[in-house]
Amino acid sequence: VLDDKGRLMRTFEVCNVNQSPRLQDNWLATPFLYRQSAPRIFVTLRFSVRDCASLRSPSPTCRETLTLYYKQADSQRELERTWVAE
């Protein structure tokens, strides 16, 4: 989609708010970010959250929060060995 300045941006959308909490699986992972010789990298995350009260029938699975997890690793392989969603 295009942002408010007409720039192309990638989006991820989760719309299964009426699904059972046990079936929720809303993980989103980026590809491995290679930093090469840089001492650090900066990542900008822009997100919006829909107001649960705006739903026709509010759902107990609706959340208005975002939790961000990150893992520092030296390679994609190391990341895959140590970061497994259960």
PDB file of N, CA and C in Angstrom:
ATOM      1  N   VAL A   1       0.846  -1.182   0.000  1.00  0.00           N
ATOM      2  CA  VAL A   1       0.000   0.000   0.000  1.00  0.00           C
ATOM      3  C   VAL A   1       0.888   1.241   0.000  1.00  0.00           C
ATOM      4  N   LEU A   2       0.267   2.382  -0.272  1.00  0.00           N
ATOM      5  CA  LEU A   2       0.984   3.642  -0.219  1.00  0.00           C
ATOM      6  C   LEU A   2       0.719   4.328   1.107  1.00  0.00           C
ATOM      7  N   ASP A   3       1.753   4.926   1.687  1.00  0.00           N
ATOM      8  CA  ASP A   3       1.564   5.654   2.935  1.00  0.00           C
ATOM      9  C   ASP A   3       1.014   7.045   2.633  1.00  0.00           C
ATOM     10  N   ASP A   4       0.895   7.875   3.669  1.00  0.00           N
ATOM     11  CA  ASP A   4       0.307   9.202   3.506  1.00  0.00           C
ATOM     12  C   ASP A   4       1.162  10.138   2.644  1.00  0.00           C
ATOM     13  N   LYS A   5       2.404   9.755   2.359  1.00  0.00           N
ATOM     14  CA  LYS A   5       3.276  10.560   1.502  1.00  0.00           C
ATOM     15  C   LYS A   5       3.466   9.929   0.126  1.00  0.00           C
ATOM     16  N   GLY A   6       2.662   8.907  -0.175  1.00  0.00           N
ATOM     17  CA  GLY A   6       2.718   8.269  -1.476  1.00  0.00           C
ATOM     18  C   GLY A   6       3.849   7.275  -1.648  1.00  0.00           C
ATOM     19  N   ARG A   7       4.518   6.894  -0.555  1.00  0.00           N
ATOM     20  CA  ARG A   7       5.611   5.924  -0.627  1.00  0.00           C
ATOM     21  C   ARG A   7       5.059   4.516  -0.450  1.00  0.00           C
ATOM     22  N   LEU A   8       5.618   3.602  -1.237  1.00  0.00           N
ATOM     23  CA  LEU A   8       5.198   2.212  -1.146  1.00  0.00           C
ATOM     24  C   LEU A   8       5.697   1.600   0.154  1.00  0.00           C
ATOM     25  N   MET A   9       4.813   0.909   0.870  1.00  0.00           N
ATOM     26  CA  MET A   9       5.221   0.225   2.090  1.00  0.00           C
ATOM     27  C   MET A   9       4.549  -1.141   2.159  1.00  0.00           C
ATOM     28  N   ARG A  10       5.239  -2.080   2.775  1.00  0.00           N
ATOM     29  CA  ARG A  10       4.699  -3.424   2.950  1.00  0.00           C
ATOM     30  C   ARG A  10       3.809  -3.442   4.171  1.00  0.00           C
ATOM     31  N   THR A  11       2.759  -4.228   4.115  1.00  0.00           N
ATOM     32  CA  THR A  11       1.852  -4.310   5.252  1.00  0.00           C
ATOM     33  C   THR A  11       1.556  -5.765   5.598  1.00  0.00           C
ATOM     34  N   PHE A  12       1.131  -5.964   6.817  1.00  0.00           N
ATOM     35  CA  PHE A  12       0.671  -7.256   7.298  1.00  0.00           C
ATOM     36  C   PHE A  12      -0.597  -6.985   8.077  1.00  0.00           C
ATOM     37  N   GLU A  13      -1.613  -7.746   7.825  1.00  0.00           N
ATOM     38  CA  GLU A  13      -2.906  -7.484   8.453  1.00  0.00           C
ATOM     39  C   GLU A  13      -3.450  -8.776   9.048  1.00  0.00           C
ATOM     40  N   VAL A  14      -3.969  -8.687  10.255  1.00  0.00           N
ATOM     41  CA  VAL A  14      -4.593  -9.826  10.920  1.00  0.00           C
ATOM     42  C   VAL A  14      -6.049  -9.465  11.148  1.00  0.00           C
ATOM     43  N   CYS A  15      -6.925 -10.252  10.569  1.00  0.00           N
ATOM     44  CA  CYS A  15      -8.357  -9.934  10.661  1.00  0.00           C
ATOM     45  C   CYS A  15      -9.163 -11.040  11.310  1.00  0.00           C
ATOM     46  N   ASN A  16      -8.541 -11.999  11.930  1.00  0.00           N
ATOM     47  CA  ASN A  16      -9.274 -13.132  12.501  1.00  0.00           C
ATOM     48  C   ASN A  16      -9.637 -12.897  13.969  1.00  0.00           C
ATOM     49  N   VAL A  17     -10.146 -11.727  14.297  1.00  0.00           N
ATOM     50  CA  VAL A  17     -10.431 -11.394  15.696  1.00  0.00           C
ATOM     51  C   VAL A  17     -11.574 -12.200  16.284  1.00  0.00           C
ATOM     52  N   ASN A  18     -12.411 -12.806  15.458  1.00  0.00           N
ATOM     53  CA  ASN A  18     -13.525 -13.602  15.977  1.00  0.00           C
ATOM     54  C   ASN A  18     -13.172 -15.080  16.093  1.00  0.00           C
ATOM     55  N   GLN A  19     -11.927 -15.423  15.848  1.00  0.00           N
ATOM     56  CA  GLN A  19     -11.473 -16.806  15.950  1.00  0.00           C
ATOM     57  C   GLN A  19     -11.169 -17.143  17.411  1.00  0.00           C
ATOM     58  N   SER A  20     -11.255 -18.399  17.739  1.00  0.00           N
ATOM     59  CA  SER A  20     -10.966 -18.857  19.096  1.00  0.00           C
ATOM     60  C   SER A  20      -9.558 -18.431  19.517  1.00  0.00           C
ATOM     61  N   PRO A  21      -9.377 -17.994  20.780  1.00  0.00           N
ATOM     62  CA  PRO A  21      -8.044 -17.606  21.249  1.00  0.00           C
ATOM     63  C   PRO A  21      -7.026 -18.735  21.110  1.00  0.00           C
ATOM     64  N   ARG A  22      -7.466 -19.980  21.209  1.00  0.00           N
ATOM     65  CA  ARG A  22      -6.548 -21.120  21.082  1.00  0.00           C
ATOM     66  C   ARG A  22      -6.016 -21.278  19.664  1.00  0.00           C
ATOM     67  N   LEU A  23      -6.736 -20.742  18.681  1.00  0.00           N
ATOM     68  CA  LEU A  23      -6.321 -20.872  17.282  1.00  0.00           C
ATOM     69  C   LEU A  23      -5.570 -19.647  16.780  1.00  0.00           C
ATOM     70  N   GLN A  24      -5.378 -18.655  17.627  1.00  0.00           N
ATOM     71  CA  GLN A  24      -4.678 -17.445  17.211  1.00  0.00           C
ATOM     72  C   GLN A  24      -3.197 -17.745  17.003  1.00  0.00           C
ATOM     73  N   ASP A  25      -2.676 -17.323  15.890  1.00  0.00           N
ATOM     74  CA  ASP A  25      -1.258 -17.497  15.585  1.00  0.00           C
ATOM     75  C   ASP A  25      -0.848 -16.306  14.726  1.00  0.00           C
ATOM     76  N   ASN A  26      -0.598 -15.190  15.357  1.00  0.00           N
ATOM     77  CA  ASN A  26      -0.387 -13.951  14.632  1.00  0.00           C
ATOM     78  C   ASN A  26       1.056 -13.475  14.693  1.00  0.00           C
ATOM     79  N   TRP A  27       2.003 -14.389  14.504  1.00  0.00           N
ATOM     80  CA  TRP A  27       3.410 -14.038  14.502  1.00  0.00           C
ATOM     81  C   TRP A  27       3.779 -13.442  13.163  1.00  0.00           C
ATOM     82  N   LEU A  28       4.637 -12.488  13.192  1.00  0.00           N
ATOM     83  CA  LEU A  28       5.204 -11.914  11.977  1.00  0.00           C
ATOM     84  C   LEU A  28       6.706 -11.810  12.194  1.00  0.00           C
ATOM     85  N   ALA A  29       7.472 -12.380  11.290  1.00  0.00           N
ATOM     86  CA  ALA A  29       8.929 -12.355  11.429  1.00  0.00           C
ATOM     87  C   ALA A  29       9.546 -11.738  10.180  1.00  0.00           C
ATOM     88  N   THR A  30      10.574 -10.948  10.383  1.00  0.00           N
ATOM     89  CA  THR A  30      11.293 -10.376   9.245  1.00  0.00           C
ATOM     90  C   THR A  30      12.336 -11.376   8.773  1.00  0.00           C
ATOM     91  N   PRO A  31      12.824 -11.201   7.570  1.00  0.00           N
ATOM     92  CA  PRO A  31      13.984 -11.993   7.160  1.00  0.00           C
ATOM     93  C   PRO A  31      15.180 -11.593   8.031  1.00  0.00           C
ATOM     94  N   PHE A  32      16.205 -12.405   8.028  1.00  0.00           N
ATOM     95  CA  PHE A  32      17.407 -12.084   8.787  1.00  0.00           C
ATOM     96  C   PHE A  32      18.003 -10.784   8.257  1.00  0.00           C
ATOM     97  N   LEU A  33      18.347  -9.869   9.156  1.00  0.00           N
ATOM     98  CA  LEU A  33      18.913  -8.576   8.763  1.00  0.00           C
ATOM     99  C   LEU A  33      20.427  -8.635   8.941  1.00  0.00           C
ATOM    100  N   TYR A  34      21.164  -8.619   7.845  1.00  0.00           N
ATOM    101  CA  TYR A  34      22.628  -8.680   7.893  1.00  0.00           C
ATOM    102  C   TYR A  34      23.178  -7.301   8.227  1.00  0.00           C
ATOM    103  N   ARG A  35      23.966  -7.200   9.256  1.00  0.00           N
ATOM    104  CA  ARG A  35      24.539  -5.910   9.617  1.00  0.00           C
ATOM    105  C   ARG A  35      25.950  -5.744   9.076  1.00  0.00           C
ATOM    106  N   GLN A  36      26.528  -6.835   8.597  1.00  0.00           N
ATOM    107  CA  GLN A  36      27.885  -6.866   8.051  1.00  0.00           C
ATOM    108  C   GLN A  36      28.853  -6.200   9.020  1.00  0.00           C
ATOM    109  N   SER A  37      29.543  -5.128   8.645  1.00  0.00           N
ATOM    110  CA  SER A  37      30.532  -4.531   9.553  1.00  0.00           C
ATOM    111  C   SER A  37      29.959  -3.379  10.379  1.00  0.00           C
ATOM    112  N   ALA A  38      28.679  -3.069  10.207  1.00  0.00           N
ATOM    113  CA  ALA A  38      28.070  -1.976  10.969  1.00  0.00           C
ATOM    114  C   ALA A  38      27.988  -2.361  12.448  1.00  0.00           C
ATOM    115  N   PRO A  39      28.300  -1.440  13.365  1.00  0.00           N
ATOM    116  CA  PRO A  39      28.225  -1.770  14.792  1.00  0.00           C
ATOM    117  C   PRO A  39      26.780  -1.913  15.281  1.00  0.00           C
ATOM    118  N   ARG A  40      25.838  -1.314  14.565  1.00  0.00           N
ATOM    119  CA  ARG A  40      24.416  -1.436  14.935  1.00  0.00           C
ATOM    120  C   ARG A  40      23.556  -1.091  13.736  1.00  0.00           C
ATOM    121  N   ILE A  41      22.303  -1.512  13.802  1.00  0.00           N
ATOM    122  CA  ILE A  41      21.339  -1.138  12.772  1.00  0.00           C
ATOM    123  C   ILE A  41      20.107  -0.574  13.464  1.00  0.00           C
ATOM    124  N   PHE A  42      19.377   0.233  12.754  1.00  0.00           N
ATOM    125  CA  PHE A  42      18.135   0.790  13.274  1.00  0.00           C
ATOM    126  C   PHE A  42      16.996   0.313  12.384  1.00  0.00           C
ATOM    127  N   VAL A  43      15.921  -0.089  13.001  1.00  0.00           N
ATOM    128  CA  VAL A  43      14.746  -0.559  12.282  1.00  0.00           C
ATOM    129  C   VAL A  43      13.571   0.293  12.727  1.00  0.00           C
ATOM    130  N   THR A  44      12.842   0.815  11.772  1.00  0.00           N
ATOM    131  CA  THR A  44      11.648   1.594  12.087  1.00  0.00           C
ATOM    132  C   THR A  44      10.432   0.717  11.864  1.00  0.00           C
ATOM    133  N   LEU A  45       9.614   0.597  12.867  1.00  0.00           N
ATOM    134  CA  LEU A  45       8.401  -0.199  12.787  1.00  0.00           C
ATOM    135  C   LEU A  45       7.220   0.747  12.936  1.00  0.00           C
ATOM    136  N   ARG A  46       6.396   0.825  11.910  1.00  0.00           N
ATOM    137  CA  ARG A  46       5.185   1.652  11.975  1.00  0.00           C
ATOM    138  C   ARG A  46       3.995   0.713  12.007  1.00  0.00           C
ATOM    139  N   PHE A  47       3.089   0.969  12.911  1.00  0.00           N
ATOM    140  CA  PHE A  47       1.922   0.098  13.003  1.00  0.00           C
ATOM    141  C   PHE A  47       0.706   0.885  13.442  1.00  0.00           C
ATOM    142  N   SER A  48      -0.442   0.338  13.154  1.00  0.00           N
ATOM    143  CA  SER A  48      -1.691   0.897  13.654  1.00  0.00           C
ATOM    144  C   SER A  48      -2.519  -0.260  14.196  1.00  0.00           C
ATOM    145  N   VAL A  49      -3.350   0.057  15.150  1.00  0.00           N
ATOM    146  CA  VAL A  49      -4.182  -0.947  15.794  1.00  0.00           C
ATOM    147  C   VAL A  49      -5.617  -0.454  15.766  1.00  0.00           C
ATOM    148  N   ARG A  50      -6.509  -1.308  15.361  1.00  0.00           N
ATOM    149  CA  ARG A  50      -7.922  -0.945  15.314  1.00  0.00           C
ATOM    150  C   ARG A  50      -8.510  -0.974  16.724  1.00  0.00           C
ATOM    151  N   ASP A  51      -9.370  -0.031  17.011  1.00  0.00           N
ATOM    152  CA  ASP A  51     -10.062   0.045  18.290  1.00  0.00           C
ATOM    153  C   ASP A  51     -11.044  -1.121  18.390  1.00  0.00           C
ATOM    154  N   CYS A  52     -10.897  -1.957  19.394  1.00  0.00           N
ATOM    155  CA  CYS A  52     -11.778  -3.125  19.543  1.00  0.00           C
ATOM    156  C   CYS A  52     -13.250  -2.717  19.638  1.00  0.00           C
ATOM    157  N   ALA A  53     -13.526  -1.568  20.210  1.00  0.00           N
ATOM    158  CA  ALA A  53     -14.910  -1.097  20.341  1.00  0.00           C
ATOM    159  C   ALA A  53     -15.534  -0.790  18.985  1.00  0.00           C
ATOM    160  N   SER A  54     -14.713  -0.643  17.936  1.00  0.00           N
ATOM    161  CA  SER A  54     -15.252  -0.333  16.612  1.00  0.00           C
ATOM    162  C   SER A  54     -15.783  -1.569  15.892  1.00  0.00           C
ATOM    163  N   LEU A  55     -15.545  -2.748  16.445  1.00  0.00           N
ATOM    164  CA  LEU A  55     -16.056  -3.978  15.831  1.00  0.00           C
ATOM    165  C   LEU A  55     -17.557  -4.092  16.066  1.00  0.00           C
ATOM    166  N   ARG A  56     -18.258  -4.698  15.099  1.00  0.00           N
ATOM    167  CA  ARG A  56     -19.715  -4.864  15.254  1.00  0.00           C
ATOM    168  C   ARG A  56     -20.061  -5.634  16.518  1.00  0.00           C
ATOM    169  N   SER A  57     -19.361  -6.718  16.752  1.00  0.00           N
ATOM    170  CA  SER A  57     -19.560  -7.466  17.997  1.00  0.00           C
ATOM    171  C   SER A  57     -18.181  -7.658  18.620  1.00  0.00           C
ATOM    172  N   PRO A  58     -17.872  -6.892  19.675  1.00  0.00           N
ATOM    173  CA  PRO A  58     -16.541  -6.998  20.292  1.00  0.00           C
ATOM    174  C   PRO A  58     -16.194  -8.438  20.634  1.00  0.00           C
ATOM    175  N   SER A  59     -14.968  -8.808  20.382  1.00  0.00           N
ATOM    176  CA  SER A  59     -14.508 -10.172  20.574  1.00  0.00           C
ATOM    177  C   SER A  59     -13.545 -10.242  21.754  1.00  0.00           C
ATOM    178  N   PRO A  60     -13.589 -11.328  22.529  1.00  0.00           N
ATOM    179  CA  PRO A  60     -12.633 -11.474  23.632  1.00  0.00           C
ATOM    180  C   PRO A  60     -11.192 -11.650  23.141  1.00  0.00           C
ATOM    181  N   THR A  61     -11.000 -11.991  21.856  1.00  0.00           N
ATOM    182  CA  THR A  61      -9.650 -12.160  21.321  1.00  0.00           C
ATOM    183  C   THR A  61      -9.086 -10.857  20.762  1.00  0.00           C
ATOM    184  N   CYS A  62      -9.887  -9.824  20.690  1.00  0.00           N
ATOM    185  CA  CYS A  62      -9.416  -8.544  20.158  1.00  0.00           C
ATOM    186  C   CYS A  62      -8.441  -7.907  21.146  1.00  0.00           C
ATOM    187  N   ARG A  63      -7.296  -7.462  20.634  1.00  0.00           N
ATOM    188  CA  ARG A  63      -6.294  -6.804  21.468  1.00  0.00           C
ATOM    189  C   ARG A  63      -5.886  -5.496  20.823  1.00  0.00           C
ATOM    190  N   GLU A  64      -5.578  -4.524  21.626  1.00  0.00           N
ATOM    191  CA  GLU A  64      -5.135  -3.223  21.132  1.00  0.00           C
ATOM    192  C   GLU A  64      -3.677  -2.992  21.517  1.00  0.00           C
ATOM    193  N   THR A  65      -2.905  -4.071  21.522  1.00  0.00           N
ATOM    194  CA  THR A  65      -1.500  -3.988  21.913  1.00  0.00           C
ATOM    195  C   THR A  65      -0.634  -4.679  20.867  1.00  0.00           C
ATOM    196  N   LEU A  66       0.634  -4.365  20.910  1.00  0.00           N
ATOM    197  CA  LEU A  66       1.628  -5.010  20.057  1.00  0.00           C
ATOM    198  C   LEU A  66       2.826  -5.314  20.928  1.00  0.00           C
ATOM    199  N   THR A  67       3.285  -6.538  20.888  1.00  0.00           N
ATOM    200  CA  THR A  67       4.485  -6.922  21.621  1.00  0.00           C
ATOM    201  C   THR A  67       5.566  -7.233  20.596  1.00  0.00           C
ATOM    202  N   LEU A  68       6.703  -6.609  20.757  1.00  0.00           N
ATOM    203  CA  LEU A  68       7.804  -6.799  19.827  1.00  0.00           C
ATOM    204  C   LEU A  68       8.888  -7.628  20.506  1.00  0.00           C
ATOM    205  N   TYR A  69       9.279  -8.713  19.858  1.00  0.00           N
ATOM    206  CA  TYR A  69      10.369  -9.546  20.337  1.00  0.00           C
ATOM    207  C   TYR A  69      11.500  -9.456  19.316  1.00  0.00           C
ATOM    208  N   TYR A  70      12.723  -9.479  19.786  1.00  0.00           N
ATOM    209  CA  TYR A  70      13.844  -9.510  18.857  1.00  0.00           C
ATOM    210  C   TYR A  70      14.904 -10.454  19.387  1.00  0.00           C
ATOM    211  N   LYS A  71      15.728 -10.922  18.482  1.00  0.00           N
ATOM    212  CA  LYS A  71      16.791 -11.855  18.841  1.00  0.00           C
ATOM    213  C   LYS A  71      18.024 -11.463  18.067  1.00  0.00           C
ATOM    214  N   GLN A  72      19.117 -11.249  18.763  1.00  0.00           N
ATOM    215  CA  GLN A  72      20.379 -10.949  18.108  1.00  0.00           C
ATOM    216  C   GLN A  72      21.074 -12.265  17.796  1.00  0.00           C
ATOM    217  N   ALA A  73      21.524 -12.391  16.557  1.00  0.00           N
ATOM    218  CA  ALA A  73      22.212 -13.613  16.134  1.00  0.00           C
ATOM    219  C   ALA A  73      23.250 -13.252  15.084  1.00  0.00           C
ATOM    220  N   ASP A  74      24.221 -14.131  14.910  1.00  0.00           N
ATOM    221  CA  ASP A  74      25.285 -13.892  13.932  1.00  0.00           C
ATOM    222  C   ASP A  74      24.978 -14.458  12.551  1.00  0.00           C
ATOM    223  N   SER A  75      23.941 -15.291  12.459  1.00  0.00           N
ATOM    224  CA  SER A  75      23.598 -15.869  11.162  1.00  0.00           C
ATOM    225  C   SER A  75      22.138 -16.317  11.172  1.00  0.00           C
ATOM    226  N   GLN A  76      21.600 -16.528   9.979  1.00  0.00           N
ATOM    227  CA  GLN A  76      20.241 -17.049   9.851  1.00  0.00           C
ATOM    228  C   GLN A  76      20.147 -18.428  10.482  1.00  0.00           C
ATOM    229  N   ARG A  77      21.168 -19.230  10.293  1.00  0.00           N
ATOM    230  CA  ARG A  77      21.174 -20.592  10.847  1.00  0.00           C
ATOM    231  C   ARG A  77      21.104 -20.559  12.374  1.00  0.00           C
ATOM    232  N   GLU A  78      21.898 -19.703  13.001  1.00  0.00           N
ATOM    233  CA  GLU A  78      21.861 -19.582  14.465  1.00  0.00           C
ATOM    234  C   GLU A  78      20.476 -19.146  14.925  1.00  0.00           C
ATOM    235  N   LEU A  79      19.897 -18.232  14.210  1.00  0.00           N
ATOM    236  CA  LEU A  79      18.567 -17.746  14.550  1.00  0.00           C
ATOM    237  C   LEU A  79      17.538 -18.871  14.478  1.00  0.00           C
ATOM    238  N   GLU A  80      17.598 -19.653  13.411  1.00  0.00           N
ATOM    239  CA  GLU A  80      16.647 -20.751  13.239  1.00  0.00           C
ATOM    240  C   GLU A  80      16.801 -21.816  14.331  1.00  0.00           C
ATOM    241  N   ARG A  81      18.030 -22.048  14.792  1.00  0.00           N
ATOM    242  CA  ARG A  81      18.252 -23.053  15.843  1.00  0.00           C
ATOM    243  C   ARG A  81      17.723 -22.599  17.187  1.00  0.00           C
ATOM    244  N   THR A  82      17.750 -21.297  17.445  1.00  0.00           N
ATOM    245  CA  THR A  82      17.433 -20.824  18.793  1.00  0.00           C
ATOM    246  C   THR A  82      16.079 -20.130  18.923  1.00  0.00           C
ATOM    247  N   TRP A  83      15.439 -19.812  17.815  1.00  0.00           N
ATOM    248  CA  TRP A  83      14.191 -19.057  17.889  1.00  0.00           C
ATOM    249  C   TRP A  83      13.109 -19.866  17.179  1.00  0.00           C
ATOM    250  N   VAL A  84      12.396 -20.675  17.919  1.00  0.00           N
ATOM    251  CA  VAL A  84      11.380 -21.534  17.326  1.00  0.00           C
ATOM    252  C   VAL A  84      10.050 -21.195  17.982  1.00  0.00           C
ATOM    253  N   ALA A  85       9.052 -20.807  17.177  1.00  0.00           N
ATOM    254  CA  ALA A  85       7.714 -20.544  17.712  1.00  0.00           C
ATOM    255  C   ALA A  85       7.064 -21.873  18.059  1.00  0.00           C
ATOM    256  N   GLU A  86       6.490 -21.943  19.224  1.00  0.00           N
ATOM    257  CA  GLU A  86       5.841 -23.182  19.655  1.00  0.00           C
ATOM    258  C   GLU A  86       4.350 -23.054  19.566  1.00  0.00           C
TER     259      GLU A  86
END
